[in-house]
PDB file of N, CA and C in Angstrom:
ATOM      1  N   MET A   1      14.547 -36.098   6.604  1.00  0.00           N
ATOM      2  CA  MET A   1      13.790 -34.836   7.049  1.00  0.00           C
ATOM      3  C   MET A   1      12.750 -34.249   6.110  1.00  0.00           C
ATOM      4  N   TRP A   2      13.383 -34.128   4.814  1.00  0.00           N
ATOM      5  CA  TRP A   2      12.456 -33.488   3.859  1.00  0.00           C
ATOM      6  C   TRP A   2      11.391 -34.245   3.472  1.00  0.00           C
ATOM      7  N   LEU A   3      11.543 -35.748   3.303  1.00  0.00           N
ATOM      8  CA  LEU A   3      10.675 -36.489   3.273  1.00  0.00           C
ATOM      9  C   LEU A   3       9.608 -36.250   4.103  1.00  0.00           C
ATOM     10  N   GLY A   4       9.515 -36.282   5.307  1.00  0.00           N
ATOM     11  CA  GLY A   4       8.662 -35.926   6.625  1.00  0.00           C
ATOM     12  C   GLY A   4       7.928 -34.712   6.059  1.00  0.00           C
ATOM     13  N   LEU A   5       8.543 -33.629   5.803  1.00  0.00           N
ATOM     14  CA  LEU A   5       8.216 -32.337   5.711  1.00  0.00           C
ATOM     15  C   LEU A   5       7.077 -32.550   4.419  1.00  0.00           C
ATOM     16  N   ALA A   6       7.611 -33.126   3.331  1.00  0.00           N
ATOM     17  CA  ALA A   6       6.706 -33.443   2.233  1.00  0.00           C
ATOM     18  C   ALA A   6       5.357 -34.264   2.577  1.00  0.00           C
ATOM     19  N   LEU A   7       5.486 -35.159   3.319  1.00  0.00           N
ATOM     20  CA  LEU A   7       4.319 -36.078   3.692  1.00  0.00           C
ATOM     21  C   LEU A   7       3.368 -35.426   4.536  1.00  0.00           C
ATOM     22  N   VAL A   8       3.615 -34.286   5.410  1.00  0.00           N
ATOM     23  CA  VAL A   8       2.796 -33.205   5.975  1.00  0.00           C
ATOM     24  C   VAL A   8       2.046 -32.322   4.924  1.00  0.00           C
ATOM     25  N   ALA A   9       3.409 -31.423   4.410  1.00  0.00           N
ATOM     26  CA  ALA A   9       2.858 -30.501   3.512  1.00  0.00           C
ATOM     27  C   ALA A   9       2.019 -30.851   2.195  1.00  0.00           C
ATOM     28  N   GLY A  10       2.219 -31.927   1.570  1.00  0.00           N
ATOM     29  CA  GLY A  10       1.389 -32.165   0.553  1.00  0.00           C
ATOM     30  C   GLY A  10      -0.018 -32.241   0.639  1.00  0.00           C
ATOM     31  N   PRO A  11      -0.606 -33.167   1.622  1.00  0.00           N
ATOM     32  CA  PRO A  11      -1.988 -33.130   2.173  1.00  0.00           C
ATOM     33  C   PRO A  11      -2.391 -31.795   2.460  1.00  0.00           C
ATOM     34  N   LEU A  12      -1.490 -31.128   3.372  1.00  0.00           N
ATOM     35  CA  LEU A  12      -2.114 -29.859   3.857  1.00  0.00           C
ATOM     36  C   LEU A  12      -2.293 -28.772   2.737  1.00  0.00           C
ATOM     37  N   PHE A  13      -1.378 -28.773   1.952  1.00  0.00           N
ATOM     38  CA  PHE A  13      -1.850 -27.704   0.718  1.00  0.00           C
ATOM     39  C   PHE A  13      -2.635 -28.360  -0.158  1.00  0.00           C
ATOM     40  N   GLY A  14      -2.802 -29.686  -0.526  1.00  0.00           N
ATOM     41  CA  GLY A  14      -3.913 -30.126  -1.280  1.00  0.00           C
ATOM     42  C   GLY A  14      -5.261 -29.911  -0.628  1.00  0.00           C
ATOM     43  N   ALA A  15      -5.313 -29.956   0.653  1.00  0.00           N
ATOM     44  CA  ALA A  15      -6.564 -29.659   1.261  1.00  0.00           C
ATOM     45  C   ALA A  15      -7.023 -28.111   1.248  1.00  0.00           C
ATOM     46  N   ALA A  16      -5.954 -27.336   1.427  1.00  0.00           N
ATOM     47  CA  ALA A  16      -6.116 -25.938   1.241  1.00  0.00           C
ATOM     48  C   ALA A  16      -6.325 -25.486  -0.312  1.00  0.00           C
ATOM     49  N   GLY A  17      -5.930 -26.016  -1.276  1.00  0.00           N
ATOM     50  CA  GLY A  17      -6.333 -25.747  -2.591  1.00  0.00           C
ATOM     51  C   GLY A  17      -7.477 -26.148  -2.854  1.00  0.00           C
ATOM     52  N   TRP A  18      -8.108 -27.171  -2.205  1.00  0.00           N
ATOM     53  CA  TRP A  18      -9.491 -27.690  -2.518  1.00  0.00           C
ATOM     54  C   TRP A  18     -10.573 -26.573  -1.572  1.00  0.00           C
ATOM     55  N   TRP A  19     -10.034 -26.108  -0.293  1.00  0.00           N
ATOM     56  CA  TRP A  19     -11.162 -25.129   0.325  1.00  0.00           C
ATOM     57  C   TRP A  19     -10.779 -23.639  -0.308  1.00  0.00           C
ATOM     58  N   TRP A  20      -9.684 -23.390  -1.072  1.00  0.00           N
ATOM     59  CA  TRP A  20      -9.545 -22.164  -1.581  1.00  0.00           C
ATOM     60  C   TRP A  20     -10.502 -22.130  -2.903  1.00  0.00           C
ATOM     61  N   ARG A  21     -10.488 -23.322  -3.778  1.00  0.00           N
ATOM     62  CA  ARG A  21     -11.575 -23.442  -4.854  1.00  0.00           C
ATOM     63  C   ARG A  21     -12.854 -23.625  -4.647  1.00  0.00           C
ATOM     64  N   ARG A  22     -13.239 -24.447  -3.689  1.00  0.00           N
ATOM     65  CA  ARG A  22     -14.649 -24.949  -3.500  1.00  0.00           C
ATOM     66  C   ARG A  22     -15.245 -24.786  -1.969  1.00  0.00           C
ATOM     67  N   GLY A  23     -14.136 -23.804  -1.084  1.00  0.00           N
ATOM     68  CA  GLY A  23     -14.807 -23.727   0.092  1.00  0.00           C
ATOM     69  C   GLY A  23     -15.951 -23.320   0.275  1.00  0.00           C
ATOM     70  N   PRO A  24     -16.804 -23.671   1.199  1.00  0.00           N
ATOM     71  CA  PRO A  24     -18.253 -23.223   1.532  1.00  0.00           C
ATOM     72  C   PRO A  24     -18.215 -21.845   2.185  1.00  0.00           C
ATOM     73  N   ASP A  25     -17.050 -21.371   2.978  1.00  0.00           N
ATOM     74  CA  ASP A  25     -17.198 -20.228   3.766  1.00  0.00           C
ATOM     75  C   ASP A  25     -16.120 -19.619   3.615  1.00  0.00           C
ATOM     76  N   VAL A  26     -16.055 -18.240   3.663  1.00  0.00           N
ATOM     77  CA  VAL A  26     -14.897 -17.387   3.737  1.00  0.00           C
ATOM     78  C   VAL A  26     -13.736 -17.640   4.683  1.00  0.00           C
ATOM     79  N   ARG A  27     -14.085 -18.166   5.754  1.00  0.00           N
ATOM     80  CA  ARG A  27     -12.882 -18.575   6.716  1.00  0.00           C
ATOM     81  C   ARG A  27     -11.826 -19.378   6.114  1.00  0.00           C
ATOM     82  N   ARG A  28     -12.441 -20.539   5.607  1.00  0.00           N
ATOM     83  CA  ARG A  28     -11.826 -21.349   4.991  1.00  0.00           C
ATOM     84  C   ARG A  28     -10.946 -20.962   3.702  1.00  0.00           C
ATOM     85  N   ARG A  29     -11.605 -20.312   2.882  1.00  0.00           N
ATOM     86  CA  ARG A  29     -10.986 -19.668   1.888  1.00  0.00           C
ATOM     87  C   ARG A  29      -9.919 -18.697   2.309  1.00  0.00           C
ATOM     88  N   VAL A  30     -10.075 -17.900   3.294  1.00  0.00           N
ATOM     89  CA  VAL A  30      -9.126 -17.002   3.659  1.00  0.00           C
ATOM     90  C   VAL A  30      -7.866 -17.689   4.246  1.00  0.00           C
ATOM     91  N   LEU A  31      -8.078 -18.828   4.867  1.00  0.00           N
ATOM     92  CA  LEU A  31      -6.968 -19.706   5.533  1.00  0.00           C
ATOM     93  C   LEU A  31      -6.188 -20.511   4.758  1.00  0.00           C
ATOM     94  N   SER A  32      -7.179 -20.825   3.766  1.00  0.00           N
ATOM     95  CA  SER A  32      -6.104 -21.745   2.599  1.00  0.00           C
ATOM     96  C   SER A  32      -5.449 -20.624   1.779  1.00  0.00           C
ATOM     97  N   LEU A  33      -5.895 -19.663   1.339  1.00  0.00           N
ATOM     98  CA  LEU A  33      -4.986 -18.646   0.731  1.00  0.00           C
ATOM     99  C   LEU A  33      -4.067 -17.982   1.638  1.00  0.00           C
ATOM    100  N   GLY A  34      -4.200 -17.880   2.762  1.00  0.00           N
ATOM    101  CA  GLY A  34      -3.375 -17.181   3.671  1.00  0.00           C
ATOM    102  C   GLY A  34      -1.838 -17.920   4.035  1.00  0.00           C
ATOM    103  N   ALA A  35      -2.425 -19.476   3.830  1.00  0.00           N
ATOM    104  CA  ALA A  35      -1.405 -20.605   4.033  1.00  0.00           C
ATOM    105  C   ALA A  35      -0.559 -20.704   2.736  1.00  0.00           C
ATOM    106  N   PHE A  36      -0.978 -20.471   1.637  1.00  0.00           N
ATOM    107  CA  PHE A  36      -0.224 -20.395   0.385  1.00  0.00           C
ATOM    108  C   PHE A  36       0.676 -19.109   0.350  1.00  0.00           C
ATOM    109  N   ALA A  37       0.218 -18.008   0.616  1.00  0.00           N
ATOM    110  CA  ALA A  37       0.777 -16.778   0.635  1.00  0.00           C
ATOM    111  C   ALA A  37       1.996 -16.655   1.763  1.00  0.00           C
ATOM    112  N   GLY A  38       1.674 -17.272   3.082  1.00  0.00           N
ATOM    113  CA  GLY A  38       2.446 -17.373   3.992  1.00  0.00           C
ATOM    114  C   GLY A  38       3.832 -18.367   3.631  1.00  0.00           C
ATOM    115  N   LEU A  39       3.471 -19.190   3.112  1.00  0.00           N
ATOM    116  CA  LEU A  39       4.788 -19.940   2.516  1.00  0.00           C
ATOM    117  C   LEU A  39       5.753 -18.961   1.771  1.00  0.00           C
ATOM    118  N   TRP A  40       5.283 -18.102   1.046  1.00  0.00           N
ATOM    119  CA  TRP A  40       6.370 -17.208   0.469  1.00  0.00           C
ATOM    120  C   TRP A  40       6.908 -16.466   1.338  1.00  0.00           C
ATOM    121  N   GLY A  41       5.983 -15.921   2.249  1.00  0.00           N
ATOM    122  CA  GLY A  41       6.583 -15.081   3.516  1.00  0.00           C
ATOM    123  C   GLY A  41       7.717 -15.670   4.278  1.00  0.00           C
ATOM    124  N   MET A  42       7.314 -17.148   4.571  1.00  0.00           N
ATOM    125  CA  MET A  42       8.378 -17.731   5.209  1.00  0.00           C
ATOM    126  C   MET A  42       9.708 -17.979   4.377  1.00  0.00           C
ATOM    127  N   GLU A  43       9.580 -18.140   3.024  1.00  0.00           N
ATOM    128  CA  GLU A  43      10.819 -17.981   2.205  1.00  0.00           C
ATOM    129  C   GLU A  43      11.234 -16.911   2.085  1.00  0.00           C
ATOM    130  N   GLY A  44      10.766 -15.812   2.203  1.00  0.00           N
ATOM    131  CA  GLY A  44      11.496 -14.506   2.017  1.00  0.00           C
ATOM    132  C   GLY A  44      12.084 -14.192   3.416  1.00  0.00           C
ATOM    133  N   LEU A  45      11.582 -14.563   4.606  1.00  0.00           N
ATOM    134  CA  LEU A  45      12.222 -14.355   5.758  1.00  0.00           C
ATOM    135  C   LEU A  45      13.443 -15.177   5.751  1.00  0.00           C
ATOM    136  N   MET A  46      13.417 -16.445   5.393  1.00  0.00           N
ATOM    137  CA  MET A  46      14.408 -17.344   5.524  1.00  0.00           C
ATOM    138  C   MET A  46      15.706 -16.570   4.597  1.00  0.00           C
ATOM    139  N   TYR A  47      15.303 -16.315   3.344  1.00  0.00           N
ATOM    140  CA  TYR A  47      16.385 -15.701   2.400  1.00  0.00           C
ATOM    141  C   TYR A  47      16.848 -14.410   3.099  1.00  0.00           C
ATOM    142  N   ALA A  48      16.033 -13.630   3.605  1.00  0.00           N
ATOM    143  CA  ALA A  48      16.680 -12.330   4.196  1.00  0.00           C
ATOM    144  C   ALA A  48      17.537 -12.471   5.199  1.00  0.00           C
ATOM    145  N   VAL A  49      16.751 -13.197   6.457  1.00  0.00           N
ATOM    146  CA  VAL A  49      17.512 -13.328   7.945  1.00  0.00           C
ATOM    147  C   VAL A  49      18.668 -14.318   7.857  1.00  0.00           C
ATOM    148  N   ASP A  50      18.368 -15.521   7.431  1.00  0.00           N
ATOM    149  CA  ASP A  50      19.242 -16.679   7.439  1.00  0.00           C
ATOM    150  C   ASP A  50      20.290 -16.533   6.522  1.00  0.00           C
ATOM    151  N   LEU A  51      19.819 -16.263   5.226  1.00  0.00           N
ATOM    152  CA  LEU A  51      20.884 -16.499   4.257  1.00  0.00           C
ATOM    153  C   LEU A  51      21.483 -15.150   3.673  1.00  0.00           C
ATOM    154  N   GLY A  52      20.727 -14.224   3.847  1.00  0.00           N
ATOM    155  CA  GLY A  52      21.035 -12.732   3.325  1.00  0.00           C
ATOM    156  C   GLY A  52      21.100 -12.598   1.712  1.00  0.00           C
ATOM    157  N   TYR A  53      20.203 -13.432   1.238  1.00  0.00           N
ATOM    158  CA  TYR A  53      20.000 -13.293  -0.193  1.00  0.00           C
ATOM    159  C   TYR A  53      19.008 -12.341  -0.573  1.00  0.00           C
ATOM    160  N   MET A  54      19.241 -11.177  -0.686  1.00  0.00           N
ATOM    161  CA  MET A  54      18.206 -10.159  -0.689  1.00  0.00           C
ATOM    162  C   MET A  54      17.319 -10.094  -1.955  1.00  0.00           C
ATOM    163  N   PRO A  55      17.839 -10.268  -3.244  1.00  0.00           N
ATOM    164  CA  PRO A  55      17.041 -10.231  -4.443  1.00  0.00           C
ATOM    165  C   PRO A  55      15.990 -11.489  -4.340  1.00  0.00           C
ATOM    166  N   GLU A  56      16.392 -12.632  -3.896  1.00  0.00           N
ATOM    167  CA  GLU A  56      15.451 -13.698  -3.533  1.00  0.00           C
ATOM    168  C   GLU A  56      14.239 -13.423  -2.752  1.00  0.00           C
ATOM    169  N   ALA A  57      14.578 -12.601  -1.536  1.00  0.00           N
ATOM    170  CA  ALA A  57      13.964 -12.357  -0.489  1.00  0.00           C
ATOM    171  C   ALA A  57      12.947 -11.294  -0.993  1.00  0.00           C
ATOM    172  N   TYR A  58      13.465 -10.397  -1.693  1.00  0.00           N
ATOM    173  CA  TYR A  58      12.399  -9.386  -2.395  1.00  0.00           C
ATOM    174  C   TYR A  58      11.418 -10.020  -3.117  1.00  0.00           C
ATOM    175  N   ALA A  59      11.809 -11.021  -4.033  1.00  0.00           N
ATOM    176  CA  ALA A  59      11.008 -11.833  -4.957  1.00  0.00           C
ATOM    177  C   ALA A  59       9.924 -12.492  -4.270  1.00  0.00           C
ATOM    178  N   CYS A  60      10.243 -13.105  -3.173  1.00  0.00           N
ATOM    179  CA  CYS A  60       9.390 -14.028  -2.280  1.00  0.00           C
ATOM    180  C   CYS A  60       8.412 -13.252  -1.429  1.00  0.00           C
ATOM    181  N   LEU A  61       8.834 -12.048  -1.046  1.00  0.00           N
ATOM    182  CA  LEU A  61       8.001 -10.931  -0.255  1.00  0.00           C
ATOM    183  C   LEU A  61       7.317 -10.101  -1.178  1.00  0.00           C
ATOM    184  N   ALA A  62       7.345 -10.187  -2.581  1.00  0.00           N
ATOM    185  CA  ALA A  62       6.461  -9.466  -3.527  1.00  0.00           C
ATOM    186  C   ALA A  62       5.236 -10.561  -3.516  1.00  0.00           C
ATOM    187  N   LEU A  63       5.692 -11.992  -3.830  1.00  0.00           N
ATOM    188  CA  LEU A  63       4.479 -12.841  -4.210  1.00  0.00           C
ATOM    189  C   LEU A  63       3.547 -12.988  -2.859  1.00  0.00           C
ATOM    190  N   PHE A  64       4.205 -12.852  -1.699  1.00  0.00           N
ATOM    191  CA  PHE A  64       3.722 -12.800  -0.373  1.00  0.00           C
ATOM    192  C   PHE A  64       2.628 -11.752  -0.196  1.00  0.00           C
ATOM    193  N   VAL A  65       2.935 -10.672  -0.831  1.00  0.00           N
ATOM    194  CA  VAL A  65       2.072  -9.540  -0.973  1.00  0.00           C
ATOM    195  C   VAL A  65       0.815  -9.476  -2.181  1.00  0.00           C
ATOM    196  N   LEU A  66       1.405 -10.151  -3.209  1.00  0.00           N
ATOM    197  CA  LEU A  66       0.565 -10.217  -4.138  1.00  0.00           C
ATOM    198  C   LEU A  66      -0.458 -11.069  -4.484  1.00  0.00           C
ATOM    199  N   ILE A  67      -0.109 -12.286  -3.905  1.00  0.00           N
ATOM    200  CA  ILE A  67      -0.990 -13.487  -3.731  1.00  0.00           C
ATOM    201  C   ILE A  67      -2.372 -13.354  -3.290  1.00  0.00           C
ATOM    202  N   PRO A  68      -2.426 -12.470  -2.129  1.00  0.00           N
ATOM    203  CA  PRO A  68      -3.811 -12.355  -1.465  1.00  0.00           C
ATOM    204  C   PRO A  68      -4.435 -11.413  -2.438  1.00  0.00           C
ATOM    205  N   LEU A  69      -3.780 -10.322  -2.950  1.00  0.00           N
ATOM    206  CA  LEU A  69      -4.628  -9.269  -3.717  1.00  0.00           C
ATOM    207  C   LEU A  69      -5.017  -9.881  -4.952  1.00  0.00           C
ATOM    208  N   LEU A  70      -4.391 -10.798  -5.661  1.00  0.00           N
ATOM    209  CA  LEU A  70      -4.835 -11.180  -6.842  1.00  0.00           C
ATOM    210  C   LEU A  70      -5.615 -12.463  -6.975  1.00  0.00           C
ATOM    211  N   MET A  71      -5.636 -13.083  -5.561  1.00  0.00           N
ATOM    212  CA  MET A  71      -6.284 -14.706  -5.880  1.00  0.00           C
ATOM    213  C   MET A  71      -7.570 -14.488  -5.202  1.00  0.00           C
ATOM    214  N   ALA A  72      -7.730 -13.463  -4.117  1.00  0.00           N
ATOM    215  CA  ALA A  72      -9.007 -13.490  -3.413  1.00  0.00           C
ATOM    216  C   ALA A  72     -10.020 -13.080  -4.481  1.00  0.00           C
ATOM    217  N   ARG A  73     -11.328 -13.574  -3.841  1.00  0.00           N
ATOM    218  CA  ARG A  73     -12.613 -13.495  -4.646  1.00  0.00           C
ATOM    219  C   ARG A  73     -13.140 -12.341  -4.337  1.00  0.00           C
ATOM    220  N   ASP A  74     -13.027 -11.476  -3.437  1.00  0.00           N
ATOM    221  CA  ASP A  74     -13.902 -10.316  -3.198  1.00  0.00           C
ATOM    222  C   ASP A  74     -13.013  -9.344  -2.323  1.00  0.00           C
ATOM    223  N   HIS A  75     -13.575  -8.235  -2.062  1.00  0.00           N
ATOM    224  CA  HIS A  75     -12.788  -7.291  -1.204  1.00  0.00           C
ATOM    225  C   HIS A  75     -12.841  -7.932   0.243  1.00  0.00           C
ATOM    226  N   LYS A  76     -13.651  -8.390   0.870  1.00  0.00           N
ATOM    227  CA  LYS A  76     -13.640  -9.205   2.305  1.00  0.00           C
ATOM    228  C   LYS A  76     -12.295 -10.017   2.303  1.00  0.00           C
ATOM    229  N   GLU A  77     -12.295 -10.883   1.432  1.00  0.00           N
ATOM    230  CA  GLU A  77     -11.142 -11.950   1.425  1.00  0.00           C
ATOM    231  C   GLU A  77      -9.783 -11.295   1.200  1.00  0.00           C
ATOM    232  N   ARG A  78      -9.905 -10.006   0.386  1.00  0.00           N
ATOM    233  CA  ARG A  78      -8.695  -9.324   0.078  1.00  0.00           C
ATOM    234  C   ARG A  78      -8.080  -8.917   1.363  1.00  0.00           C
ATOM    235  N   ALA A  79      -9.137  -8.015   2.211  1.00  0.00           N
ATOM    236  CA  ALA A  79      -8.686  -7.381   3.477  1.00  0.00           C
ATOM    237  C   ALA A  79      -8.400  -8.456   4.631  1.00  0.00           C
ATOM    238  N   LEU A  80      -8.840  -9.653   4.642  1.00  0.00           N
ATOM    239  CA  LEU A  80      -8.803 -10.519   5.620  1.00  0.00           C
ATOM    240  C   LEU A  80      -7.180 -11.434   5.446  1.00  0.00           C
ATOM    241  N   THR A  81      -7.089 -11.859   4.280  1.00  0.00           N
ATOM    242  CA  THR A  81      -5.924 -12.707   3.685  1.00  0.00           C
ATOM    243  C   THR A  81      -4.627 -12.166   4.222  1.00  0.00           C
ATOM    244  N   PRO A  82      -4.100 -11.088   3.919  1.00  0.00           N
ATOM    245  CA  PRO A  82      -2.909 -10.616   4.495  1.00  0.00           C
ATOM    246  C   PRO A  82      -2.623 -10.941   6.161  1.00  0.00           C
ATOM    247  N   GLY A  83      -3.632 -10.899   6.545  1.00  0.00           N
ATOM    248  CA  GLY A  83      -3.187 -11.136   8.258  1.00  0.00           C
ATOM    249  C   GLY A  83      -3.100 -12.509   8.543  1.00  0.00           C
ATOM    250  N   ALA A  84      -3.825 -13.312   7.824  1.00  0.00           N
ATOM    251  CA  ALA A  84      -3.630 -14.744   7.799  1.00  0.00           C
ATOM    252  C   ALA A  84      -2.403 -15.310   7.223  1.00  0.00           C
ATOM    253  N   ALA A  85      -2.076 -14.554   6.309  1.00  0.00           N
ATOM    254  CA  ALA A  85      -0.609 -14.956   5.473  1.00  0.00           C
ATOM    255  C   ALA A  85       0.360 -14.688   6.628  1.00  0.00           C
ATOM    256  N   ALA A  86       0.093 -13.485   7.027  1.00  0.00           N
ATOM    257  CA  ALA A  86       1.495 -13.022   8.147  1.00  0.00           C
ATOM    258  C   ALA A  86       1.490 -14.286   9.091  1.00  0.00           C
ATOM    259  N   VAL A  87       0.467 -14.485   9.803  1.00  0.00           N
ATOM    260  CA  VAL A  87       0.316 -15.511  10.925  1.00  0.00           C
ATOM    261  C   VAL A  87       0.839 -16.974  10.398  1.00  0.00           C
ATOM    262  N   CYS A  88       0.500 -17.333   9.161  1.00  0.00           N
ATOM    263  CA  CYS A  88       0.834 -18.511   8.574  1.00  0.00           C
ATOM    264  C   CYS A  88       2.366 -18.654   8.223  1.00  0.00           C
ATOM    265  N   GLY A  89       3.127 -17.401   7.816  1.00  0.00           N
ATOM    266  CA  GLY A  89       4.329 -17.274   7.325  1.00  0.00           C
ATOM    267  C   GLY A  89       5.032 -17.245   8.747  1.00  0.00           C
ATOM    268  N   LEU A  90       4.768 -16.760   9.763  1.00  0.00           N
ATOM    269  CA  LEU A  90       5.577 -16.847  11.015  1.00  0.00           C
ATOM    270  C   LEU A  90       5.235 -18.402  11.566  1.00  0.00           C
ATOM    271  N   VAL A  91       4.393 -18.734  11.668  1.00  0.00           N
ATOM    272  CA  VAL A  91       4.017 -20.146  11.988  1.00  0.00           C
ATOM    273  C   VAL A  91       5.020 -21.089  11.360  1.00  0.00           C
ATOM    274  N   ALA A  92       5.098 -20.948   9.914  1.00  0.00           N
ATOM    275  CA  ALA A  92       5.882 -21.928   9.185  1.00  0.00           C
ATOM    276  C   ALA A  92       7.429 -21.825   9.548  1.00  0.00           C
ATOM    277  N   TYR A  93       7.794 -20.436   9.539  1.00  0.00           N
ATOM    278  CA  TYR A  93       9.109 -20.032  10.004  1.00  0.00           C
ATOM    279  C   TYR A  93       9.583 -20.656  11.182  1.00  0.00           C
ATOM    280  N   GLY A  94       8.876 -20.584  11.978  1.00  0.00           N
ATOM    281  CA  GLY A  94       9.130 -20.973  13.517  1.00  0.00           C
ATOM    282  C   GLY A  94       8.993 -22.602  13.381  1.00  0.00           C
ATOM    283  N   GLY A  95       8.185 -23.307  12.572  1.00  0.00           N
ATOM    284  CA  GLY A  95       7.941 -24.641  12.442  1.00  0.00           C
ATOM    285  C   GLY A  95       9.063 -25.149  11.707  1.00  0.00           C
ATOM    286  N   VAL A  96       9.478 -24.752  10.629  1.00  0.00           N
ATOM    287  CA  VAL A  96      10.703 -25.234   9.894  1.00  0.00           C
ATOM    288  C   VAL A  96      11.876 -24.740  10.187  1.00  0.00           C
ATOM    289  N   GLU A  97      12.174 -23.516  10.086  1.00  0.00           N
ATOM    290  CA  GLU A  97      13.463 -23.108  10.214  1.00  0.00           C
ATOM    291  C   GLU A  97      13.965 -23.221  11.705  1.00  0.00           C
ATOM    292  N   VAL A  98      13.572 -22.811  12.651  1.00  0.00           N
ATOM    293  CA  VAL A  98      13.999 -22.905  13.847  1.00  0.00           C
ATOM    294  C   VAL A  98      14.461 -24.228  14.295  1.00  0.00           C
ATOM    295  N   PRO A  99      13.724 -25.491  13.981  1.00  0.00           N
ATOM    296  CA  PRO A  99      14.241 -26.652  14.200  1.00  0.00           C
ATOM    297  C   PRO A  99      15.553 -27.183  13.244  1.00  0.00           C
ATOM    298  N   LEU A 100      15.309 -26.513  12.043  1.00  0.00           N
ATOM    299  CA  LEU A 100      16.688 -26.863  11.277  1.00  0.00           C
ATOM    300  C   LEU A 100      17.887 -26.104  11.767  1.00  0.00           C
ATOM    301  N   GLN A 101      17.689 -25.087  12.520  1.00  0.00           N
ATOM    302  CA  GLN A 101      18.956 -24.164  13.066  1.00  0.00           C
ATOM    303  C   GLN A 101      19.392 -25.159  14.155  1.00  0.00           C
ATOM    304  N   ILE A 102      18.359 -25.578  15.110  1.00  0.00           N
ATOM    305  CA  ILE A 102      18.694 -26.434  16.240  1.00  0.00           C
ATOM    306  C   ILE A 102      19.335 -27.790  15.748  1.00  0.00           C
ATOM    307  N   LEU A 103      18.856 -28.240  14.833  1.00  0.00           N
ATOM    308  CA  LEU A 103      19.604 -29.341  14.094  1.00  0.00           C
ATOM    309  C   LEU A 103      20.925 -29.284  13.817  1.00  0.00           C
ATOM    310  N   SER A 104      21.314 -28.275  12.998  1.00  0.00           N
ATOM    311  CA  SER A 104      22.379 -27.829  12.413  1.00  0.00           C
ATOM    312  C   SER A 104      23.330 -27.287  13.354  1.00  0.00           C
ATOM    313  N   ALA A 105      23.120 -27.017  14.572  1.00  0.00           N
ATOM    314  CA  ALA A 105      24.000 -26.431  15.587  1.00  0.00           C
ATOM    315  C   ALA A 105      24.762 -27.455  16.340  1.00  0.00           C
TER     316      ALA A 105
END
């Protein structure tokens, strides 16, 4: 299962990194940075809700908040990226954690 996730996530985040660095429009840069920050949001949710590891959850959620603020290029991207990160984090949580819980039940 983890190999399958790696085969999907590797090219996905590779393309996202390319879009963030060389993306021709704001929409692609915001989406790619939102995907990266959303990954940390998903990890924070998993640590807090599923595992109860609060120090790790706080660290991941701090990255979830700081990545859009520190890595965005301008004020417009800083304003749009947290919303994209929240959506990406929830989608990732639903796409990874929910199936894992179903398989382990």
